[in-house]
Amino acid sequence: MFKTLISLFTVVFLSNCAQQGVNRIAPMGSQQWFLTVEQRVNTGDKQGHGPDVGSEEWKYVISRKLGIYDAEGHGPDLGSEEWLRAVHRHVFKANPD
């Protein structure tokens, strides 16, 4: 009985730890953060072609898709702290830490 309780506790504990890791957002501006933004926004076409994640072209496409840039191309400088924060707010629906 005791062994079963310990096993159950271990499974629940490890499951909770794994779930917390899934919900965590990578540091803003990191490669993992860029990849997560790409997964949520998807700059490629149906054949998987698109700009390289994190490139200037990719940042521009992200800006247009999220409405950070207006029709004339006005908005924060690509890759700037202001741009990163704007993307973060749009994609993750939260202010960056």
Protein backbone atom coordinates (compact mmCIF):
# COMPACT_ATOMS: atom_id res chain seq x y z
CA MET A 1 0.00 0.00 0.00
CA PHE A 2 2.76 2.41 0.98
CA LYS A 3 4.65 1.65 -2.25
CA THR A 4 1.51 2.38 -4.27
CA LEU A 5 1.04 5.75 -2.55
CA ILE A 6 4.67 6.70 -3.17
CA SER A 7 4.37 5.67 -6.83
CA LEU A 8 1.15 7.63 -7.25
CA PHE A 9 2.65 10.70 -5.59
CA THR A 10 5.72 10.48 -7.85
CA VAL A 11 3.60 10.24 -11.00
CA VAL A 12 1.43 13.19 -9.98
CA PHE A 13 4.46 15.27 -9.01
CA LEU A 14 6.36 14.56 -12.24
CA SER A 15 3.25 15.16 -14.31
CA ASN A 16 2.74 18.53 -12.66
CA CYS A 17 6.39 19.49 -13.25
CA ALA A 18 6.16 18.53 -16.93
CA GLN A 19 2.93 20.48 -17.37
CA GLN A 20 4.46 23.61 -15.83
CA GLY A 21 7.35 23.36 -18.30
CA VAL A 22 4.90 23.22 -21.23
CA ASN A 23 3.08 26.36 -20.08
CA ARG A 24 6.26 28.39 -19.69
CA ILE A 25 7.06 30.93 -22.40
CA ALA A 26 10.66 31.03 -23.59
CA PRO A 27 12.58 34.26 -22.92
CA MET A 28 11.43 37.01 -25.27
CA GLY A 29 13.73 37.28 -28.28
CA SER A 30 15.34 33.86 -27.81
CA GLN A 31 15.43 31.32 -30.64
CA GLN A 32 12.84 29.20 -28.82
CA TRP A 33 10.60 32.26 -28.48
CA PHE A 34 10.88 32.90 -32.25
CA LEU A 35 10.00 29.26 -32.96
CA THR A 36 6.96 29.44 -30.69
CA VAL A 37 5.81 32.64 -32.41
CA GLU A 38 6.21 30.88 -35.78
CA GLN A 39 4.14 27.92 -34.58
CA ARG A 40 1.33 30.23 -33.52
CA VAL A 41 1.42 32.70 -36.43
CA ASN A 42 2.81 30.54 -39.28
CA THR A 43 4.49 32.63 -41.95
CA GLY A 44 4.83 29.79 -44.45
CA ASP A 45 2.57 28.68 -47.24
CA LYS A 46 0.77 25.32 -47.46
CA GLN A 47 3.88 23.68 -48.90
CA GLY A 48 6.00 24.77 -45.92
CA HIS A 49 7.85 27.54 -47.77
CA GLY A 50 8.41 30.80 -45.98
CA PRO A 51 11.04 33.12 -44.60
CA ASP A 52 13.69 31.82 -42.22
CA VAL A 53 12.47 32.13 -38.63
CA GLY A 54 14.04 35.17 -36.98
CA SER A 55 15.22 36.78 -40.24
CA GLU A 56 14.34 40.37 -41.12
CA GLU A 57 11.87 39.13 -43.74
CA TRP A 58 10.24 36.86 -41.14
CA LYS A 59 9.96 39.73 -38.65
CA TYR A 60 8.32 41.89 -41.31
CA VAL A 61 5.79 39.15 -42.18
CA ILE A 62 5.02 38.63 -38.49
CA SER A 63 4.49 42.38 -38.09
CA ARG A 64 2.05 42.51 -41.01
CA LYS A 65 0.13 39.39 -39.95
CA LEU A 66 -0.28 40.64 -36.38
CA GLY A 67 -1.16 44.18 -37.42
CA ILE A 68 1.88 45.70 -35.73
CA TYR A 69 2.69 47.48 -38.98
CA ASP A 70 0.06 49.50 -40.77
CA ALA A 71 -0.56 49.45 -44.53
CA GLU A 72 2.21 52.01 -45.08
CA GLY A 73 4.71 49.95 -43.10
CA HIS A 74 4.80 52.18 -40.03
CA GLY A 75 5.53 50.52 -36.71
CA PRO A 76 8.36 49.74 -34.32
CA ASP A 77 11.79 48.94 -35.72
CA LEU A 78 12.09 45.25 -36.58
CA GLY A 79 13.69 43.31 -33.75
CA SER A 80 13.69 46.27 -31.35
CA GLU A 81 12.58 45.89 -27.74
CA GLU A 82 9.34 47.69 -28.66
CA TRP A 83 8.77 45.27 -31.55
CA LEU A 84 9.46 42.21 -29.38
CA ARG A 85 7.01 43.46 -26.74
CA ALA A 86 4.31 44.15 -29.36
CA VAL A 87 4.69 40.67 -30.87
CA HIS A 88 4.67 39.10 -27.41
CA ARG A 89 1.44 40.90 -26.46
CA HIS A 90 -0.28 39.83 -29.69
CA VAL A 91 0.89 36.21 -29.74
CA PHE A 92 0.79 35.30 -26.05
CA LYS A 93 -2.03 37.68 -25.02
CA ALA A 94 0.12 38.84 -22.12
CA ASN A 95 2.63 41.53 -21.29
CA PRO A 96 6.20 40.23 -21.22
CA ASP A 97 7.82 39.89 -17.80
